[in-house]
Amino acid sequence: MQPLENLVAGVILDHPEYQPLLEQTAADLGQDFSSASGESNPFLHMGMHISIREQLSIDRPSGIRTIYQRLAAGTGDAHACEHQVMACLEKVLWEAQCAGKAPDDQDYLDCLQRLLP
């Protein structure tokens, strides 16, 4: 497999609860995952994991890898650590979307720093 395929496969393996959904045919994937229904969108969730792992692989924004390593050492669970990072990424993306501008790397890193013990 290509590196990106390995990355995606790793995220899928980390989410056995979503694997039955991924086995459905395209015709069966018309489900709406709106927040009003109370369900999270599994594709968005796994996409955020992929984004975070990509950020860590290239250390972009600069310094995220170091912060992540410190967070992961404190939790002892890389997947749970990614969920903490995901909360900051969601916040920064939401704020950028509301303001109609690019996400602020420094705000993202500051949010992550606040997670450190």
PDB file of N, CA and C in Angstrom:
ATOM      1  N   MET A   1       0.838  -1.189   0.000  1.00  0.00           N
ATOM      2  CA  MET A   1       0.000   0.000   0.000  1.00  0.00           C
ATOM      3  C   MET A   1       0.877   1.244   0.000  1.00  0.00           C
ATOM      4  N   GLN A   2       0.314   2.315  -0.491  1.00  0.00           N
ATOM      5  CA  GLN A   2       0.966   3.614  -0.480  1.00  0.00           C
ATOM      6  C   GLN A   2       0.904   4.180   0.943  1.00  0.00           C
ATOM      7  N   PRO A   3       1.796   5.133   1.269  1.00  0.00           N
ATOM      8  CA  PRO A   3       1.791   5.686   2.635  1.00  0.00           C
ATOM      9  C   PRO A   3       0.428   6.247   3.066  1.00  0.00           C
ATOM     10  N   LEU A   4      -0.252   6.940   2.171  1.00  0.00           N
ATOM     11  CA  LEU A   4      -1.558   7.492   2.535  1.00  0.00           C
ATOM     12  C   LEU A   4      -2.561   6.373   2.785  1.00  0.00           C
ATOM     13  N   GLU A   5      -2.494   5.321   2.010  1.00  0.00           N
ATOM     14  CA  GLU A   5      -3.384   4.178   2.231  1.00  0.00           C
ATOM     15  C   GLU A   5      -3.109   3.527   3.584  1.00  0.00           C
ATOM     16  N   ASN A   6      -1.846   3.430   3.954  1.00  0.00           N
ATOM     17  CA  ASN A   6      -1.494   2.896   5.275  1.00  0.00           C
ATOM     18  C   ASN A   6      -2.050   3.774   6.387  1.00  0.00           C
ATOM     19  N   LEU A   7      -1.958   5.073   6.194  1.00  0.00           N
ATOM     20  CA  LEU A   7      -2.475   6.022   7.179  1.00  0.00           C
ATOM     21  C   LEU A   7      -3.979   5.841   7.353  1.00  0.00           C
ATOM     22  N   VAL A   8      -4.701   5.791   6.241  1.00  0.00           N
ATOM     23  CA  VAL A   8      -6.156   5.623   6.292  1.00  0.00           C
ATOM     24  C   VAL A   8      -6.510   4.267   6.914  1.00  0.00           C
ATOM     25  N   ALA A   9      -5.803   3.222   6.520  1.00  0.00           N
ATOM     26  CA  ALA A   9      -6.068   1.884   7.079  1.00  0.00           C
ATOM     27  C   ALA A   9      -5.856   1.872   8.587  1.00  0.00           C
ATOM     28  N   GLY A  10      -4.833   2.562   9.064  1.00  0.00           N
ATOM     29  CA  GLY A  10      -4.584   2.641  10.509  1.00  0.00           C
ATOM     30  C   GLY A  10      -5.722   3.312  11.248  1.00  0.00           C
ATOM     31  N   VAL A  11      -6.253   4.379  10.667  1.00  0.00           N
ATOM     32  CA  VAL A  11      -7.381   5.076  11.295  1.00  0.00           C
ATOM     33  C   VAL A  11      -8.613   4.164  11.311  1.00  0.00           C
ATOM     34  N   ILE A  12      -8.839   3.452  10.216  1.00  0.00           N
ATOM     35  CA  ILE A  12      -9.978   2.531  10.158  1.00  0.00           C
ATOM     36  C   ILE A  12      -9.825   1.427  11.201  1.00  0.00           C
ATOM     37  N   LEU A  13      -8.628   0.900  11.348  1.00  0.00           N
ATOM     38  CA  LEU A  13      -8.396  -0.137  12.352  1.00  0.00           C
ATOM     39  C   LEU A  13      -8.638   0.377  13.768  1.00  0.00           C
ATOM     40  N   ASP A  14      -8.353   1.649  13.991  1.00  0.00           N
ATOM     41  CA  ASP A  14      -8.573   2.251  15.307  1.00  0.00           C
ATOM     42  C   ASP A  14     -10.052   2.513  15.600  1.00  0.00           C
ATOM     43  N   HIS A  15     -10.904   2.329  14.585  1.00  0.00           N
ATOM     44  CA  HIS A  15     -12.340   2.613  14.746  1.00  0.00           C
ATOM     45  C   HIS A  15     -13.184   1.430  14.293  1.00  0.00           C
ATOM     46  N   PRO A  16     -13.137   0.334  15.041  1.00  0.00           N
ATOM     47  CA  PRO A  16     -13.943  -0.834  14.649  1.00  0.00           C
ATOM     48  C   PRO A  16     -15.442  -0.541  14.618  1.00  0.00           C
ATOM     49  N   GLU A  17     -15.872   0.465  15.374  1.00  0.00           N
ATOM     50  CA  GLU A  17     -17.297   0.800  15.400  1.00  0.00           C
ATOM     51  C   GLU A  17     -17.781   1.346  14.059  1.00  0.00           C
ATOM     52  N   TYR A  18     -16.875   1.847  13.234  1.00  0.00           N
ATOM     53  CA  TYR A  18     -17.239   2.402  11.928  1.00  0.00           C
ATOM     54  C   TYR A  18     -17.027   1.409  10.786  1.00  0.00           C
ATOM     55  N   GLN A  19     -16.370   0.309  11.035  1.00  0.00           N
ATOM     56  CA  GLN A  19     -16.040  -0.623   9.963  1.00  0.00           C
ATOM     57  C   GLN A  19     -17.267  -1.181   9.249  1.00  0.00           C
ATOM     58  N   PRO A  20     -18.363  -1.529   9.949  1.00  0.00           N
ATOM     59  CA  PRO A  20     -19.547  -2.000   9.201  1.00  0.00           C
ATOM     60  C   PRO A  20     -20.077  -0.951   8.220  1.00  0.00           C
ATOM     61  N   LEU A  21     -20.012   0.310   8.609  1.00  0.00           N
ATOM     62  CA  LEU A  21     -20.452   1.387   7.730  1.00  0.00           C
ATOM     63  C   LEU A  21     -19.590   1.431   6.465  1.00  0.00           C
ATOM     64  N   LEU A  22     -18.312   1.213   6.614  1.00  0.00           N
ATOM     65  CA  LEU A  22     -17.394   1.279   5.480  1.00  0.00           C
ATOM     66  C   LEU A  22     -17.564   0.100   4.523  1.00  0.00           C
ATOM     67  N   GLU A  23     -18.216  -0.953   5.003  1.00  0.00           N
ATOM     68  CA  GLU A  23     -18.453  -2.120   4.160  1.00  0.00           C
ATOM     69  C   GLU A  23     -19.731  -1.988   3.340  1.00  0.00           C
ATOM     70  N   GLN A  24     -20.507  -0.934   3.570  1.00  0.00           N
ATOM     71  CA  GLN A  24     -21.748  -0.730   2.827  1.00  0.00           C
ATOM     72  C   GLN A  24     -21.446  -0.304   1.397  1.00  0.00           C
ATOM     73  N   THR A  25     -22.406  -0.539   0.528  1.00  0.00           N
ATOM     74  CA  THR A  25     -22.263  -0.090  -0.856  1.00  0.00           C
ATOM     75  C   THR A  25     -22.536   1.402  -0.926  1.00  0.00           C
ATOM     76  N   ALA A  26     -22.140   2.012  -2.011  1.00  0.00           N
ATOM     77  CA  ALA A  26     -22.339   3.451  -2.187  1.00  0.00           C
ATOM     78  C   ALA A  26     -23.822   3.811  -2.078  1.00  0.00           C
ATOM     79  N   ALA A  27     -24.687   2.939  -2.558  1.00  0.00           N
ATOM     80  CA  ALA A  27     -26.121   3.212  -2.508  1.00  0.00           C
ATOM     81  C   ALA A  27     -26.642   3.254  -1.079  1.00  0.00           C
ATOM     82  N   ASP A  28     -25.973   2.563  -0.156  1.00  0.00           N
ATOM     83  CA  ASP A  28     -26.412   2.515   1.235  1.00  0.00           C
ATOM     84  C   ASP A  28     -25.840   3.653   2.081  1.00  0.00           C
ATOM     85  N   LEU A  29     -25.015   4.487   1.495  1.00  0.00           N
ATOM     86  CA  LEU A  29     -24.313   5.509   2.278  1.00  0.00           C
ATOM     87  C   LEU A  29     -25.013   6.862   2.270  1.00  0.00           C
ATOM     88  N   GLY A  30     -26.313   6.883   2.034  1.00  0.00           N
ATOM     89  CA  GLY A  30     -27.038   8.138   1.968  1.00  0.00           C
ATOM     90  C   GLY A  30     -27.440   8.703   3.315  1.00  0.00           C
ATOM     91  N   GLN A  31     -26.978   8.099   4.389  1.00  0.00           N
ATOM     92  CA  GLN A  31     -27.355   8.544   5.734  1.00  0.00           C
ATOM     93  C   GLN A  31     -26.842   9.947   6.004  1.00  0.00           C
ATOM     94  N   ASP A  32     -27.696  10.737   6.655  1.00  0.00           N
ATOM     95  CA  ASP A  32     -27.319  12.092   7.047  1.00  0.00           C
ATOM     96  C   ASP A  32     -26.781  12.049   8.475  1.00  0.00           C
ATOM     97  N   PHE A  33     -25.605  12.575   8.669  1.00  0.00           N
ATOM     98  CA  PHE A  33     -24.979  12.592   9.995  1.00  0.00           C
ATOM     99  C   PHE A  33     -24.991  14.005  10.561  1.00  0.00           C
ATOM    100  N   SER A  34     -26.169  14.593  10.650  1.00  0.00           N
ATOM    101  CA  SER A  34     -26.268  15.960  11.153  1.00  0.00           C
ATOM    102  C   SER A  34     -26.161  15.965  12.669  1.00  0.00           C
ATOM    103  N   SER A  35     -25.701  17.069  13.192  1.00  0.00           N
ATOM    104  CA  SER A  35     -25.597  17.184  14.650  1.00  0.00           C
ATOM    105  C   SER A  35     -26.977  17.145  15.300  1.00  0.00           C
ATOM    106  N   ALA A  36     -28.010  17.510  14.543  1.00  0.00           N
ATOM    107  CA  ALA A  36     -29.370  17.480  15.075  1.00  0.00           C
ATOM    108  C   ALA A  36     -29.812  16.056  15.399  1.00  0.00           C
ATOM    109  N   SER A  37     -29.266  15.085  14.656  1.00  0.00           N
ATOM    110  CA  SER A  37     -29.635  13.691  14.907  1.00  0.00           C
ATOM    111  C   SER A  37     -28.886  13.116  16.105  1.00  0.00           C
ATOM    112  N   GLY A  38     -27.909  13.849  16.599  1.00  0.00           N
ATOM    113  CA  GLY A  38     -27.148  13.395  17.755  1.00  0.00           C
ATOM    114  C   GLY A  38     -26.029  12.427  17.418  1.00  0.00           C
ATOM    115  N   GLU A  39     -25.846  12.146  16.136  1.00  0.00           N
ATOM    116  CA  GLU A  39     -24.787  11.243  15.715  1.00  0.00           C
ATOM    117  C   GLU A  39     -23.619  12.053  15.156  1.00  0.00           C
ATOM    118  N   SER A  40     -22.419  11.598  15.473  1.00  0.00           N
ATOM    119  CA  SER A  40     -21.277  12.255  14.867  1.00  0.00           C
ATOM    120  C   SER A  40     -21.051  11.638  13.489  1.00  0.00           C
ATOM    121  N   ASN A  41     -20.479  12.401  12.617  1.00  0.00           N
ATOM    122  CA  ASN A  41     -20.192  11.931  11.267  1.00  0.00           C
ATOM    123  C   ASN A  41     -18.912  11.106  11.310  1.00  0.00           C
ATOM    124  N   PRO A  42     -19.007   9.797  11.057  1.00  0.00           N
ATOM    125  CA  PRO A  42     -17.813   8.959  11.152  1.00  0.00           C
ATOM    126  C   PRO A  42     -16.751   9.320  10.124  1.00  0.00           C
ATOM    127  N   PHE A  43     -17.174   9.823   8.966  1.00  0.00           N
ATOM    128  CA  PHE A  43     -16.215  10.196   7.928  1.00  0.00           C
ATOM    129  C   PHE A  43     -15.451  11.460   8.334  1.00  0.00           C
ATOM    130  N   LEU A  44     -16.173  12.399   8.936  1.00  0.00           N
ATOM    131  CA  LEU A  44     -15.516  13.593   9.450  1.00  0.00           C
ATOM    132  C   LEU A  44     -14.571  13.229  10.581  1.00  0.00           C
ATOM    133  N   HIS A  45     -15.028  12.373  11.485  1.00  0.00           N
ATOM    134  CA  HIS A  45     -14.210  11.976  12.624  1.00  0.00           C
ATOM    135  C   HIS A  45     -12.907  11.315  12.162  1.00  0.00           C
ATOM    136  N   MET A  46     -13.029  10.341  11.267  1.00  0.00           N
ATOM    137  CA  MET A  46     -11.819   9.669  10.787  1.00  0.00           C
ATOM    138  C   MET A  46     -10.960  10.610   9.958  1.00  0.00           C
ATOM    139  N   GLY A  47     -11.601  11.516   9.217  1.00  0.00           N
ATOM    140  CA  GLY A  47     -10.846  12.508   8.448  1.00  0.00           C
ATOM    141  C   GLY A  47     -10.027  13.424   9.348  1.00  0.00           C
ATOM    142  N   MET A  48     -10.584  13.757  10.521  1.00  0.00           N
ATOM    143  CA  MET A  48      -9.835  14.588  11.474  1.00  0.00           C
ATOM    144  C   MET A  48      -8.619  13.829  11.998  1.00  0.00           C
ATOM    145  N   HIS A  49      -8.785  12.519  12.285  1.00  0.00           N
ATOM    146  CA  HIS A  49      -7.634  11.712  12.704  1.00  0.00           C
ATOM    147  C   HIS A  49      -6.558  11.717  11.612  1.00  0.00           C
ATOM    148  N   ILE A  50      -6.973  11.559  10.371  1.00  0.00           N
ATOM    149  CA  ILE A  50      -6.025  11.550   9.253  1.00  0.00           C
ATOM    150  C   ILE A  50      -5.307  12.890   9.177  1.00  0.00           C
ATOM    151  N   SER A  51      -6.051  13.977   9.310  1.00  0.00           N
ATOM    152  CA  SER A  51      -5.451  15.320   9.268  1.00  0.00           C
ATOM    153  C   SER A  51      -4.422  15.507  10.373  1.00  0.00           C
ATOM    154  N   ILE A  52      -4.776  15.073  11.565  1.00  0.00           N
ATOM    155  CA  ILE A  52      -3.860  15.221  12.699  1.00  0.00           C
ATOM    156  C   ILE A  52      -2.598  14.399  12.479  1.00  0.00           C
ATOM    157  N   ARG A  53      -2.752  13.178  12.004  1.00  0.00           N
ATOM    158  CA  ARG A  53      -1.575  12.337  11.757  1.00  0.00           C
ATOM    159  C   ARG A  53      -0.694  12.918  10.655  1.00  0.00           C
ATOM    160  N   GLU A  54      -1.312  13.526   9.661  1.00  0.00           N
ATOM    161  CA  GLU A  54      -0.540  14.206   8.619  1.00  0.00           C
ATOM    162  C   GLU A  54       0.209  15.404   9.202  1.00  0.00           C
ATOM    163  N   GLN A  55      -0.460  16.186  10.045  1.00  0.00           N
ATOM    164  CA  GLN A  55       0.186  17.329  10.689  1.00  0.00           C
ATOM    165  C   GLN A  55       1.387  16.875  11.500  1.00  0.00           C
ATOM    166  N   LEU A  56       1.219  15.781  12.228  1.00  0.00           N
ATOM    167  CA  LEU A  56       2.312  15.270  13.056  1.00  0.00           C
ATOM    168  C   LEU A  56       3.474  14.782  12.195  1.00  0.00           C
ATOM    169  N   SER A  57       3.163  14.177  11.059  1.00  0.00           N
ATOM    170  CA  SER A  57       4.227  13.628  10.205  1.00  0.00           C
ATOM    171  C   SER A  57       5.109  14.714   9.613  1.00  0.00           C
ATOM    172  N   ILE A  58       4.551  15.903   9.415  1.00  0.00           N
ATOM    173  CA  ILE A  58       5.346  17.003   8.833  1.00  0.00           C
ATOM    174  C   ILE A  58       5.608  18.125   9.839  1.00  0.00           C
ATOM    175  N   ASP A  59       5.168  17.934  11.086  1.00  0.00           N
ATOM    176  CA  ASP A  59       5.310  18.935  12.145  1.00  0.00           C
ATOM    177  C   ASP A  59       4.812  20.303  11.683  1.00  0.00           C
ATOM    178  N   ARG A  60       3.589  20.297  11.198  1.00  0.00           N
ATOM    179  CA  ARG A  60       2.965  21.533  10.734  1.00  0.00           C
ATOM    180  C   ARG A  60       1.607  21.652  11.378  1.00  0.00           C
ATOM    181  N   PRO A  61       1.285  22.676  12.105  1.00  0.00           N
ATOM    182  CA  PRO A  61       2.143  23.832  12.350  1.00  0.00           C
ATOM    183  C   PRO A  61       3.360  23.453  13.193  1.00  0.00           C
ATOM    184  N   SER A  62       4.399  24.181  12.952  1.00  0.00           N
ATOM    185  CA  SER A  62       5.674  23.893  13.610  1.00  0.00           C
ATOM    186  C   SER A  62       5.512  23.852  15.128  1.00  0.00           C
ATOM    187  N   GLY A  63       5.910  22.725  15.703  1.00  0.00           N
ATOM    188  CA  GLY A  63       5.818  22.551  17.144  1.00  0.00           C
ATOM    189  C   GLY A  63       4.722  21.595  17.570  1.00  0.00           C
ATOM    190  N   ILE A  64       3.809  21.251  16.663  1.00  0.00           N
ATOM    191  CA  ILE A  64       2.699  20.370  17.038  1.00  0.00           C
ATOM    192  C   ILE A  64       3.197  18.995  17.451  1.00  0.00           C
ATOM    193  N   ARG A  65       4.238  18.504  16.800  1.00  0.00           N
ATOM    194  CA  ARG A  65       4.739  17.168  17.127  1.00  0.00           C
ATOM    195  C   ARG A  65       5.244  17.104  18.562  1.00  0.00           C
ATOM    196  N   THR A  66       5.975  18.121  18.994  1.00  0.00           N
ATOM    197  CA  THR A  66       6.510  18.161  20.355  1.00  0.00           C
ATOM    198  C   THR A  66       5.382  18.218  21.376  1.00  0.00           C
ATOM    199  N   ILE A  67       4.396  19.061  21.119  1.00  0.00           N
ATOM    200  CA  ILE A  67       3.262  19.173  22.032  1.00  0.00           C
ATOM    201  C   ILE A  67       2.524  17.836  22.094  1.00  0.00           C
ATOM    202  N   TYR A  68       2.284  17.231  20.934  1.00  0.00           N
ATOM    203  CA  TYR A  68       1.589  15.954  20.883  1.00  0.00           C
ATOM    204  C   TYR A  68       2.348  14.880  21.670  1.00  0.00           C
ATOM    205  N   GLN A  69       3.651  14.833  21.489  1.00  0.00           N
ATOM    206  CA  GLN A  69       4.449  13.827  22.198  1.00  0.00           C
ATOM    207  C   GLN A  69       4.339  14.000  23.705  1.00  0.00           C
ATOM    208  N   ARG A  70       4.316  15.238  24.162  1.00  0.00           N
ATOM    209  CA  ARG A  70       4.162  15.493  25.595  1.00  0.00           C
ATOM    210  C   ARG A  70       2.767  15.089  26.080  1.00  0.00           C
ATOM    211  N   LEU A  71       1.743  15.395  25.272  1.00  0.00           N
ATOM    212  CA  LEU A  71       0.381  14.998  25.619  1.00  0.00           C
ATOM    213  C   LEU A  71       0.240  13.483  25.647  1.00  0.00           C
ATOM    214  N   ALA A  72       0.782  12.826  24.631  1.00  0.00           N
ATOM    215  CA  ALA A  72       0.674  11.367  24.533  1.00  0.00           C
ATOM    216  C   ALA A  72       1.399  10.690  25.688  1.00  0.00           C
ATOM    217  N   ALA A  73       2.521  11.244  26.091  1.00  0.00           N
ATOM    218  CA  ALA A  73       3.260  10.673  27.222  1.00  0.00           C
ATOM    219  C   ALA A  73       2.425  10.779  28.496  1.00  0.00           C
ATOM    220  N   GLY A  74       1.662  11.841  28.617  1.00  0.00           N
ATOM    221  CA  GLY A  74       0.833  12.035  29.804  1.00  0.00           C
ATOM    222  C   GLY A  74      -0.393  11.138  29.828  1.00  0.00           C
ATOM    223  N   THR A  75      -0.956  10.854  28.657  1.00  0.00           N
ATOM    224  CA  THR A  75      -2.167  10.032  28.611  1.00  0.00           C
ATOM    225  C   THR A  75      -1.836   8.552  28.470  1.00  0.00           C
ATOM    226  N   GLY A  76      -0.718   8.249  27.817  1.00  0.00           N
ATOM    227  CA  GLY A  76      -0.368   6.852  27.568  1.00  0.00           C
ATOM    228  C   GLY A  76      -1.240   6.205  26.512  1.00  0.00           C
ATOM    229  N   ASP A  77      -2.043   6.986  25.827  1.00  0.00           N
ATOM    230  CA  ASP A  77      -2.969   6.467  24.829  1.00  0.00           C
ATOM    231  C   ASP A  77      -2.978   7.418  23.633  1.00  0.00           C
ATOM    232  N   ALA A  78      -2.334   7.000  22.547  1.00  0.00           N
ATOM    233  CA  ALA A  78      -2.202   7.861  21.374  1.00  0.00           C
ATOM    234  C   ALA A  78      -3.563   8.234  20.788  1.00  0.00           C
ATOM    235  N   HIS A  79      -4.484   7.290  20.771  1.00  0.00           N
ATOM    236  CA  HIS A  79      -5.804   7.560  20.202  1.00  0.00           C
ATOM    237  C   HIS A  79      -6.553   8.606  21.040  1.00  0.00           C
ATOM    238  N   ALA A  80      -6.520   8.451  22.344  1.00  0.00           N
ATOM    239  CA  ALA A  80      -7.161   9.427  23.231  1.00  0.00           C
ATOM    240  C   ALA A  80      -6.487  10.791  23.088  1.00  0.00           C
ATOM    241  N   CYS A  81      -5.195  10.787  22.922  1.00  0.00           N
ATOM    242  CA  CYS A  81      -4.461  12.035  22.727  1.00  0.00           C
ATOM    243  C   CYS A  81      -4.915  12.725  21.439  1.00  0.00           C
ATOM    244  N   GLU A  82      -5.106  11.946  20.382  1.00  0.00           N
ATOM    245  CA  GLU A  82      -5.594  12.535  19.126  1.00  0.00           C
ATOM    246  C   GLU A  82      -6.963  13.167  19.329  1.00  0.00           C
ATOM    247  N   HIS A  83      -7.791  12.591  20.178  1.00  0.00           N
ATOM    248  CA  HIS A  83      -9.098  13.183  20.442  1.00  0.00           C
ATOM    249  C   HIS A  83      -8.957  14.530  21.156  1.00  0.00           C
ATOM    250  N   GLN A  84      -7.973  14.651  22.020  1.00  0.00           N
ATOM    251  CA  GLN A  84      -7.727  15.944  22.661  1.00  0.00           C
ATOM    252  C   GLN A  84      -7.281  16.970  21.620  1.00  0.00           C
ATOM    253  N   VAL A  85      -6.380  16.565  20.747  1.00  0.00           N
ATOM    254  CA  VAL A  85      -5.906  17.451  19.683  1.00  0.00           C
ATOM    255  C   VAL A  85      -7.076  17.817  18.773  1.00  0.00           C
ATOM    256  N   MET A  86      -7.929  16.841  18.501  1.00  0.00           N
ATOM    257  CA  MET A  86      -9.076  17.054  17.622  1.00  0.00           C
ATOM    258  C   MET A  86      -9.988  18.163  18.154  1.00  0.00           C
ATOM    259  N   ALA A  87     -10.171  18.220  19.455  1.00  0.00           N
ATOM    260  CA  ALA A  87     -11.017  19.266  20.032  1.00  0.00           C
ATOM    261  C   ALA A  87     -10.453  20.650  19.720  1.00  0.00           C
ATOM    262  N   CYS A  88      -9.140  20.788  19.797  1.00  0.00           N
ATOM    263  CA  CYS A  88      -8.522  22.074  19.461  1.00  0.00           C
ATOM    264  C   CYS A  88      -8.624  22.363  17.969  1.00  0.00           C
ATOM    265  N   LEU A  89      -8.394  21.341  17.157  1.00  0.00           N
ATOM    266  CA  LEU A  89      -8.487  21.528  15.707  1.00  0.00           C
ATOM    267  C   LEU A  89      -9.909  21.937  15.316  1.00  0.00           C
ATOM    268  N   GLU A  90     -10.903  21.273  15.890  1.00  0.00           N
ATOM    269  CA  GLU A  90     -12.298  21.638  15.613  1.00  0.00           C
ATOM    270  C   GLU A  90     -12.571  23.085  15.987  1.00  0.00           C
ATOM    271  N   LYS A  91     -12.090  23.502  17.152  1.00  0.00           N
ATOM    272  CA  LYS A  91     -12.299  24.871  17.629  1.00  0.00           C
ATOM    273  C   LYS A  91     -11.688  25.887  16.663  1.00  0.00           C
ATOM    274  N   VAL A  92     -10.457  25.638  16.266  1.00  0.00           N
ATOM    275  CA  VAL A  92      -9.762  26.581  15.388  1.00  0.00           C
ATOM    276  C   VAL A  92     -10.408  26.619  13.997  1.00  0.00           C
ATOM    277  N   LEU A  93     -10.830  25.462  13.501  1.00  0.00           N
ATOM    278  CA  LEU A  93     -11.492  25.432  12.193  1.00  0.00           C
ATOM    279  C   LEU A  93     -12.837  26.139  12.248  1.00  0.00           C
ATOM    280  N   TRP A  94     -13.580  25.940  13.329  1.00  0.00           N
ATOM    281  CA  TRP A  94     -14.876  26.598  13.493  1.00  0.00           C
ATOM    282  C   TRP A  94     -14.711  28.121  13.536  1.00  0.00           C
ATOM    283  N   GLU A  95     -13.753  28.570  14.332  1.00  0.00           N
ATOM    284  CA  GLU A  95     -13.520  30.011  14.440  1.00  0.00           C
ATOM    285  C   GLU A  95     -13.098  30.607  13.102  1.00  0.00           C
ATOM    286  N   ALA A  96     -12.257  29.889  12.369  1.00  0.00           N
ATOM    287  CA  ALA A  96     -11.823  30.383  11.060  1.00  0.00           C
ATOM    288  C   ALA A  96     -13.000  30.456  10.089  1.00  0.00           C
ATOM    289  N   GLN A  97     -13.838  29.428  10.117  1.00  0.00           N
ATOM    290  CA  GLN A  97     -14.994  29.421   9.230  1.00  0.00           C
ATOM    291  C   GLN A  97     -15.934  30.571   9.557  1.00  0.00           C
ATOM    292  N   CYS A  98     -16.191  30.802  10.831  1.00  0.00           N
ATOM    293  CA  CYS A  98     -17.080  31.891  11.245  1.00  0.00           C
ATOM    294  C   CYS A  98     -16.529  33.254  10.853  1.00  0.00           C
ATOM    295  N   ALA A  99     -15.206  33.390  10.924  1.00  0.00           N
ATOM    296  CA  ALA A  99     -14.565  34.668  10.604  1.00  0.00           C
ATOM    297  C   ALA A  99     -14.252  34.804   9.113  1.00  0.00           C
ATOM    298  N   GLY A 100     -14.415  33.727   8.359  1.00  0.00           N
ATOM    299  CA  GLY A 100     -14.125  33.776   6.928  1.00  0.00           C
ATOM    300  C   GLY A 100     -12.657  33.955   6.632  1.00  0.00           C
ATOM    301  N   LYS A 101     -11.821  33.331   7.443  1.00  0.00           N
ATOM    302  CA  LYS A 101     -10.373  33.459   7.249  1.00  0.00           C
ATOM    303  C   LYS A 101      -9.713  32.101   7.424  1.00  0.00           C
ATOM    304  N   ALA A 102      -8.418  32.058   7.178  1.00  0.00           N
ATOM    305  CA  ALA A 102      -7.656  30.822   7.346  1.00  0.00           C
ATOM    306  C   ALA A 102      -7.508  30.500   8.833  1.00  0.00           C
ATOM    307  N   PRO A 103      -7.410  29.211   9.168  1.00  0.00           N
ATOM    308  CA  PRO A 103      -7.180  28.851  10.574  1.00  0.00           C
ATOM    309  C   PRO A 103      -5.892  29.468  11.096  1.00  0.00           C
ATOM    310  N   ASP A 104      -5.921  29.855  12.349  1.00  0.00           N
ATOM    311  CA  ASP A 104      -4.769  30.504  12.977  1.00  0.00           C
ATOM    312  C   ASP A 104      -3.897  29.450  13.659  1.00  0.00           C
ATOM    313  N   ASP A 105      -2.707  29.232  13.097  1.00  0.00           N
ATOM    314  CA  ASP A 105      -1.788  28.225  13.639  1.00  0.00           C
ATOM    315  C   ASP A 105      -1.438  28.497  15.095  1.00  0.00           C
ATOM    316  N   GLN A 106      -1.227  29.761  15.424  1.00  0.00           N
ATOM    317  CA  GLN A 106      -0.829  30.076  16.796  1.00  0.00           C
ATOM    318  C   GLN A 106      -1.962  29.806  17.781  1.00  0.00           C
ATOM    319  N   ASP A 107      -3.191  30.108  17.393  1.00  0.00           N
ATOM    320  CA  ASP A 107      -4.337  29.788  18.254  1.00  0.00           C
ATOM    321  C   ASP A 107      -4.435  28.280  18.474  1.00  0.00           C
ATOM    322  N   TYR A 108      -4.181  27.521  17.427  1.00  0.00           N
ATOM    323  CA  TYR A 108      -4.217  26.060  17.503  1.00  0.00           C
ATOM    324  C   TYR A 108      -3.160  25.563  18.484  1.00  0.00           C
ATOM    325  N   LEU A 109      -1.935  26.041  18.322  1.00  0.00           N
ATOM    326  CA  LEU A 109      -0.856  25.627  19.215  1.00  0.00           C
ATOM    327  C   LEU A 109      -1.114  26.073  20.648  1.00  0.00           C
ATOM    328  N   ASP A 110      -1.656  27.272  20.821  1.00  0.00           N
ATOM    329  CA  ASP A 110      -1.981  27.762  22.169  1.00  0.00           C
ATOM    330  C   ASP A 110      -3.030  26.867  22.833  1.00  0.00           C
ATOM    331  N   CYS A 111      -4.044  26.465  22.070  1.00  0.00           N
ATOM    332  CA  CYS A 111      -5.066  25.571  22.600  1.00  0.00           C
ATOM    333  C   CYS A 111      -4.441  24.254  23.026  1.00  0.00           C
ATOM    334  N   LEU A 112      -3.543  23.726  22.209  1.00  0.00           N
ATOM    335  CA  LEU A 112      -2.865  22.465  22.542  1.00  0.00           C
ATOM    336  C   LEU A 112      -1.994  22.619  23.786  1.00  0.00           C
ATOM    337  N   GLN A 113      -1.312  23.745  23.893  1.00  0.00           N
ATOM    338  CA  GLN A 113      -0.455  23.994  25.074  1.00  0.00           C
ATOM    339  C   GLN A 113      -1.279  23.988  26.352  1.00  0.00           C
ATOM    340  N   ARG A 114      -2.501  24.509  26.274  1.00  0.00           N
ATOM    341  CA  ARG A 114      -3.371  24.544  27.462  1.00  0.00           C
ATOM    342  C   ARG A 114      -3.773  23.142  27.917  1.00  0.00           C
ATOM    343  N   LEU A 115      -3.645  22.156  27.052  1.00  0.00           N
ATOM    344  CA  LEU A 115      -3.968  20.780  27.417  1.00  0.00           C
ATOM    345  C   LEU A 115      -2.852  20.102  28.228  1.00  0.00           C
ATOM    346  N   LEU A 116      -1.662  20.672  28.157  1.00  0.00           N
ATOM    347  CA  LEU A 116      -0.525  20.068  28.849  1.00  0.00           C
ATOM    348  C   LEU A 116      -0.675  20.206  30.362  1.00  0.00           C
ATOM    349  N   PRO A 117      -0.248  19.192  31.089  1.00  0.00           N
ATOM    350  CA  PRO A 117      -0.347  19.268  32.559  1.00  0.00           C
ATOM    351  C   PRO A 117       0.610  20.296  33.134  1.00  0.00           C
TER     352      PRO A 117
END
